[in-house]
Amino acid sequence: MEQILIPRKRAEQLKAHLSELSPILKCKIRVIDENEVVVEGDAYEEYTARNIIIAFGRGFDIGTALKLLDDNYFFKSINLKELFKSKERIIMIEGRIIGKEGKSKAYIESVSGAKLSVFGGTIGLIGTNEEIAIAESAINVLIEGGTHKKAYRVMEAARRKFGVQKWRA
């Protein structure tokens, strides 16, 4: 049995998906105490369900979180609260990653192939190992205070390093 804490708002939204998720994840899933999710099943199914629920709790829609059923997809979370003490700094970094009208986030997603979620002081990534590494290269530049132009150059170089020459912009 796995017990997972996710934000209350996301736990409320998860309740609407429980009837469809349980058969897909081959686990019994229930929300208790407003933000605690309990998962019961075989160890491997519990582990997979846990990752999907954590990804959903970090702001991904259920369809994107379910990509984690594929063994080629992974979830990574960068906790900005561990990197910065100032709430204002965290908000600024989140804004830099999202960009004006979401353009920076959209560009990082289109070049890397990874999906991003900026939610509650964390940056979540779902993708293959290569996609996550490519997206993370740009995110790290932005976290360290580099320009968007530099972040994009670094990310595009990482994309070439992994052998992919073309992407959708």
C-alpha atoms as a PDB file:
ATOM      1  CA  MET A   1       0.000   0.000   0.000  1.00  0.00           C
ATOM      2  CA  GLU A   2       1.281   3.444  -1.015  1.00  0.00           C
ATOM      3  CA  GLN A   3       0.247   6.694   0.649  1.00  0.00           C
ATOM      4  CA  ILE A   4       0.872   9.860  -1.349  1.00  0.00           C
ATOM      5  CA  LEU A   5       0.291  13.464  -0.344  1.00  0.00           C
ATOM      6  CA  ILE A   6      -0.672  15.865  -3.130  1.00  0.00           C
ATOM      7  CA  PRO A   7      -2.063  19.412  -2.970  1.00  0.00           C
ATOM      8  CA  ARG A   8      -5.716  19.553  -1.867  1.00  0.00           C
ATOM      9  CA  LYS A   9      -6.861  21.222  -5.073  1.00  0.00           C
ATOM     10  CA  ARG A  10      -5.256  18.486  -7.174  1.00  0.00           C
ATOM     11  CA  ALA A  11      -6.664  15.753  -4.897  1.00  0.00           C
ATOM     12  CA  GLU A  12     -10.166  17.141  -5.511  1.00  0.00           C
ATOM     13  CA  GLN A  13      -9.534  17.043  -9.261  1.00  0.00           C
ATOM     14  CA  LEU A  14      -8.130  13.510  -9.002  1.00  0.00           C
ATOM     15  CA  LYS A  15     -11.403  12.269  -7.498  1.00  0.00           C
ATOM     16  CA  ALA A  16     -13.099  12.903 -10.857  1.00  0.00           C
ATOM     17  CA  HIS A  17     -10.673  10.474 -12.547  1.00  0.00           C
ATOM     18  CA  LEU A  18     -10.633   7.631  -9.998  1.00  0.00           C
ATOM     19  CA  SER A  19     -13.161   5.411 -11.789  1.00  0.00           C
ATOM     20  CA  GLU A  20     -11.151   5.529 -15.026  1.00  0.00           C
ATOM     21  CA  LEU A  21      -7.704   5.329 -13.372  1.00  0.00           C
ATOM     22  CA  SER A  22      -8.202   2.257 -11.185  1.00  0.00           C
ATOM     23  CA  PRO A  23      -8.662  -0.210 -14.078  1.00  0.00           C
ATOM     24  CA  ILE A  24      -5.887   1.395 -16.151  1.00  0.00           C
ATOM     25  CA  LEU A  25      -3.408   1.329 -13.260  1.00  0.00           C
ATOM     26  CA  LYS A  26      -4.638  -2.067 -11.967  1.00  0.00           C
ATOM     27  CA  CYS A  27      -4.819  -0.634  -8.438  1.00  0.00           C
ATOM     28  CA  LYS A  28      -7.443   0.442  -5.971  1.00  0.00           C
ATOM     29  CA  ILE A  29      -7.092   4.215  -5.573  1.00  0.00           C
ATOM     30  CA  ARG A  30      -8.875   6.430  -3.066  1.00  0.00           C
ATOM     31  CA  VAL A  31      -8.508   9.945  -1.706  1.00  0.00           C
ATOM     32  CA  ILE A  32      -8.741  10.386   2.070  1.00  0.00           C
ATOM     33  CA  ASP A  33      -8.184  13.329   4.423  1.00  0.00           C
ATOM     34  CA  GLU A  34      -8.526  15.930   1.635  1.00  0.00           C
ATOM     35  CA  ASN A  35      -5.046  15.439   0.164  1.00  0.00           C
ATOM     36  CA  GLU A  36      -3.880  11.906   0.904  1.00  0.00           C
ATOM     37  CA  VAL A  37      -4.109   9.341  -1.891  1.00  0.00           C
ATOM     38  CA  VAL A  38      -3.976   5.648  -1.000  1.00  0.00           C
ATOM     39  CA  VAL A  39      -2.973   3.139  -3.677  1.00  0.00           C
ATOM     40  CA  GLU A  40      -3.331  -0.614  -3.210  1.00  0.00           C
ATOM     41  CA  GLY A  41      -2.145  -3.240  -5.668  1.00  0.00           C
ATOM     42  CA  ASP A  42       0.893  -5.238  -6.720  1.00  0.00           C
ATOM     43  CA  ALA A  43       4.242  -3.587  -6.039  1.00  0.00           C
ATOM     44  CA  TYR A  44       5.023  -2.669  -9.665  1.00  0.00           C
ATOM     45  CA  GLU A  45       1.521  -1.315 -10.311  1.00  0.00           C
ATOM     46  CA  GLU A  46       1.655   0.676  -7.056  1.00  0.00           C
ATOM     47  CA  TYR A  47       4.998   2.163  -8.080  1.00  0.00           C
ATOM     48  CA  THR A  48       3.676   3.176 -11.505  1.00  0.00           C
ATOM     49  CA  ALA A  49       0.441   4.545 -10.020  1.00  0.00           C
ATOM     50  CA  ARG A  50       2.454   6.512  -7.455  1.00  0.00           C
ATOM     51  CA  ASN A  51       4.497   8.213 -10.187  1.00  0.00           C
ATOM     52  CA  ILE A  52       1.377   9.047 -12.181  1.00  0.00           C
ATOM     53  CA  ILE A  53      -0.413  10.472  -9.133  1.00  0.00           C
ATOM     54  CA  ILE A  54       2.642  12.523  -8.110  1.00  0.00           C
ATOM     55  CA  ALA A  55       2.910  13.893 -11.667  1.00  0.00           C
ATOM     56  CA  PHE A  56      -0.793  14.772 -11.614  1.00  0.00           C
ATOM     57  CA  GLY A  57      -0.315  16.386  -8.209  1.00  0.00           C
ATOM     58  CA  ARG A  58       2.510  18.510  -9.653  1.00  0.00           C
ATOM     59  CA  GLY A  59       0.171  19.996 -12.259  1.00  0.00           C
ATOM     60  CA  PHE A  60       0.185  17.660 -15.254  1.00  0.00           C
ATOM     61  CA  ASP A  61      -3.148  16.753 -16.833  1.00  0.00           C
ATOM     62  CA  ILE A  62      -4.155  13.120 -16.459  1.00  0.00           C
ATOM     63  CA  GLY A  63      -3.425  12.296 -20.117  1.00  0.00           C
ATOM     64  CA  THR A  64       0.159  13.525 -19.869  1.00  0.00           C
ATOM     65  CA  ALA A  65       0.675  11.792 -16.509  1.00  0.00           C
ATOM     66  CA  LEU A  66      -0.521   8.510 -18.038  1.00  0.00           C
ATOM     67  CA  LYS A  67       2.434   8.632 -20.474  1.00  0.00           C
ATOM     68  CA  LEU A  68       4.370   7.269 -17.498  1.00  0.00           C
ATOM     69  CA  LEU A  69       2.754   3.883 -18.203  1.00  0.00           C
ATOM     70  CA  ASP A  70       5.245   3.631 -21.070  1.00  0.00           C
ATOM     71  CA  ASP A  71       8.606   2.364 -19.768  1.00  0.00           C
ATOM     72  CA  ASN A  72      10.384   4.895 -22.011  1.00  0.00           C
ATOM     73  CA  TYR A  73       8.861   7.882 -20.184  1.00  0.00           C
ATOM     74  CA  PHE A  74      10.020   9.293 -16.870  1.00  0.00           C
ATOM     75  CA  PHE A  75       8.998  11.988 -14.403  1.00  0.00           C
ATOM     76  CA  LYS A  76      11.446  14.454 -12.887  1.00  0.00           C
ATOM     77  CA  SER A  77      10.698  17.237 -10.451  1.00  0.00           C
ATOM     78  CA  ILE A  78      12.874  20.237  -9.643  1.00  0.00           C
ATOM     79  CA  ASN A  79      11.955  21.703  -6.262  1.00  0.00           C
ATOM     80  CA  LEU A  80      12.658  25.435  -6.387  1.00  0.00           C
ATOM     81  CA  LYS A  81      11.959  25.674  -2.644  1.00  0.00           C
ATOM     82  CA  GLU A  82      15.128  23.641  -2.041  1.00  0.00           C
ATOM     83  CA  LEU A  83      17.156  25.980  -4.247  1.00  0.00           C
ATOM     84  CA  PHE A  84      15.782  29.346  -3.109  1.00  0.00           C
ATOM     85  CA  LYS A  85      14.522  30.540   0.270  1.00  0.00           C
ATOM     86  CA  SER A  86      12.788  33.657  -1.044  1.00  0.00           C
ATOM     87  CA  LYS A  87       9.217  33.225  -2.270  1.00  0.00           C
ATOM     88  CA  GLU A  88       9.709  36.239  -4.556  1.00  0.00           C
ATOM     89  CA  ARG A  89      12.740  34.576  -6.176  1.00  0.00           C
ATOM     90  CA  ILE A  90      10.781  31.351  -6.726  1.00  0.00           C
ATOM     91  CA  ILE A  91       7.948  33.296  -8.384  1.00  0.00           C
ATOM     92  CA  MET A  92      10.469  35.102 -10.585  1.00  0.00           C
ATOM     93  CA  ILE A  93      12.113  31.827 -11.684  1.00  0.00           C
ATOM     94  CA  GLU A  94       8.711  30.281 -12.412  1.00  0.00           C
ATOM     95  CA  GLY A  95       7.872  33.326 -14.519  1.00  0.00           C
ATOM     96  CA  ARG A  96      11.154  33.052 -16.444  1.00  0.00           C
ATOM     97  CA  ILE A  97      10.504  29.404 -17.249  1.00  0.00           C
ATOM     98  CA  ILE A  98       6.914  30.050 -18.321  1.00  0.00           C
ATOM     99  CA  GLY A  99       7.824  33.243 -20.211  1.00  0.00           C
ATOM    100  CA  LYS A 100       5.563  35.940 -21.544  1.00  0.00           C
ATOM    101  CA  GLU A 101       2.223  34.379 -22.490  1.00  0.00           C
ATOM    102  CA  GLY A 102       3.745  30.912 -21.974  1.00  0.00           C
ATOM    103  CA  LYS A 103       6.112  31.270 -24.925  1.00  0.00           C
ATOM    104  CA  SER A 104       9.285  30.113 -23.141  1.00  0.00           C
ATOM    105  CA  LYS A 105       7.618  26.986 -21.758  1.00  0.00           C
ATOM    106  CA  ALA A 106       6.090  26.214 -25.162  1.00  0.00           C
ATOM    107  CA  TYR A 107       9.462  26.617 -26.898  1.00  0.00           C
ATOM    108  CA  ILE A 108      11.252  24.397 -24.386  1.00  0.00           C
ATOM    109  CA  GLU A 109       8.555  21.756 -24.868  1.00  0.00           C
ATOM    110  CA  SER A 110       8.686  21.959 -28.668  1.00  0.00           C
ATOM    111  CA  VAL A 111      12.490  21.711 -28.900  1.00  0.00           C
ATOM    112  CA  SER A 112      12.991  19.101 -26.188  1.00  0.00           C
ATOM    113  CA  GLY A 113       9.880  16.990 -26.701  1.00  0.00           C
ATOM    114  CA  ALA A 114       9.369  16.882 -22.915  1.00  0.00           C
ATOM    115  CA  LYS A 115       6.232  18.205 -21.234  1.00  0.00           C
ATOM    116  CA  LEU A 116       6.659  20.813 -18.488  1.00  0.00           C
ATOM    117  CA  SER A 117       4.517  21.802 -15.544  1.00  0.00           C
ATOM    118  CA  VAL A 118       5.307  24.776 -13.327  1.00  0.00           C
ATOM    119  CA  PHE A 119       3.239  24.373 -10.179  1.00  0.00           C
ATOM    120  CA  GLY A 120       3.585  25.236  -6.498  1.00  0.00           C
ATOM    121  CA  GLY A 121       7.294  25.970  -6.427  1.00  0.00           C
ATOM    122  CA  THR A 122       8.244  22.966  -8.547  1.00  0.00           C
ATOM    123  CA  ILE A 123       9.055  22.327 -12.170  1.00  0.00           C
ATOM    124  CA  GLY A 124       7.862  18.940 -13.368  1.00  0.00           C
ATOM    125  CA  LEU A 125       9.115  17.223 -16.514  1.00  0.00           C
ATOM    126  CA  ILE A 126       7.720  14.176 -18.303  1.00  0.00           C
ATOM    127  CA  GLY A 127       9.536  12.654 -21.252  1.00  0.00           C
ATOM    128  CA  THR A 128      12.233  10.249 -22.305  1.00  0.00           C
ATOM    129  CA  ASN A 129      15.609  10.555 -20.587  1.00  0.00           C
ATOM    130  CA  GLU A 130      16.946  12.498 -23.573  1.00  0.00           C
ATOM    131  CA  GLU A 131      13.948  14.845 -23.719  1.00  0.00           C
ATOM    132  CA  ILE A 132      14.224  15.597 -20.017  1.00  0.00           C
ATOM    133  CA  ALA A 133      17.976  16.218 -20.298  1.00  0.00           C
ATOM    134  CA  ILE A 134      17.426  18.625 -23.200  1.00  0.00           C
ATOM    135  CA  ALA A 135      14.680  20.564 -21.391  1.00  0.00           C
ATOM    136  CA  GLU A 136      16.656  20.573 -18.151  1.00  0.00           C
ATOM    137  CA  SER A 137      19.656  22.156 -19.895  1.00  0.00           C
ATOM    138  CA  ALA A 138      17.542  25.238 -20.705  1.00  0.00           C
ATOM    139  CA  ILE A 139      15.813  25.278 -17.314  1.00  0.00           C
ATOM    140  CA  ASN A 140      19.159  25.217 -15.493  1.00  0.00           C
ATOM    141  CA  VAL A 141      20.401  28.227 -17.465  1.00  0.00           C
ATOM    142  CA  LEU A 142      17.222  30.138 -16.572  1.00  0.00           C
ATOM    143  CA  ILE A 143      17.464  29.123 -12.898  1.00  0.00           C
ATOM    144  CA  GLU A 144      21.074  30.329 -12.813  1.00  0.00           C
ATOM    145  CA  GLY A 145      20.012  33.725 -14.192  1.00  0.00           C
ATOM    146  CA  GLY A 146      21.109  33.292 -17.812  1.00  0.00           C
ATOM    147  CA  THR A 147      19.236  34.892 -20.668  1.00  0.00           C
ATOM    148  CA  HIS A 148      16.514  33.124 -22.607  1.00  0.00           C
ATOM    149  CA  LYS A 149      18.698  33.374 -25.702  1.00  0.00           C
ATOM    150  CA  LYS A 150      21.523  31.518 -23.930  1.00  0.00           C
ATOM    151  CA  ALA A 151      19.089  28.933 -22.530  1.00  0.00           C
ATOM    152  CA  TYR A 152      17.734  28.227 -26.007  1.00  0.00           C
ATOM    153  CA  ARG A 153      21.231  27.953 -27.519  1.00  0.00           C
ATOM    154  CA  VAL A 154      22.289  25.509 -24.805  1.00  0.00           C
ATOM    155  CA  MET A 155      19.103  23.491 -25.287  1.00  0.00           C
ATOM    156  CA  GLU A 156      19.471  23.397 -29.071  1.00  0.00           C
ATOM    157  CA  ALA A 157      23.089  22.229 -28.666  1.00  0.00           C
ATOM    158  CA  ALA A 158      21.915  19.485 -26.292  1.00  0.00           C
ATOM    159  CA  ARG A 159      19.299  18.470 -28.856  1.00  0.00           C
ATOM    160  CA  ARG A 160      22.009  18.103 -31.533  1.00  0.00           C
ATOM    161  CA  LYS A 161      24.190  16.175 -29.061  1.00  0.00           C
ATOM    162  CA  PHE A 162      21.452  13.567 -28.760  1.00  0.00           C
ATOM    163  CA  GLY A 163      21.423  13.222 -32.547  1.00  0.00           C
ATOM    164  CA  VAL A 164      18.183  14.955 -33.442  1.00  0.00           C
ATOM    165  CA  GLN A 165      18.659  17.695 -36.027  1.00  0.00           C
ATOM    166  CA  LYS A 166      15.090  18.886 -36.591  1.00  0.00           C
ATOM    167  CA  TRP A 167      12.225  19.697 -34.271  1.00  0.00           C
ATOM    168  CA  ARG A 168       8.917  21.507 -34.395  1.00  0.00           C
ATOM    169  CA  ALA A 169       9.210  25.110 -33.288  1.00  0.00           C
END
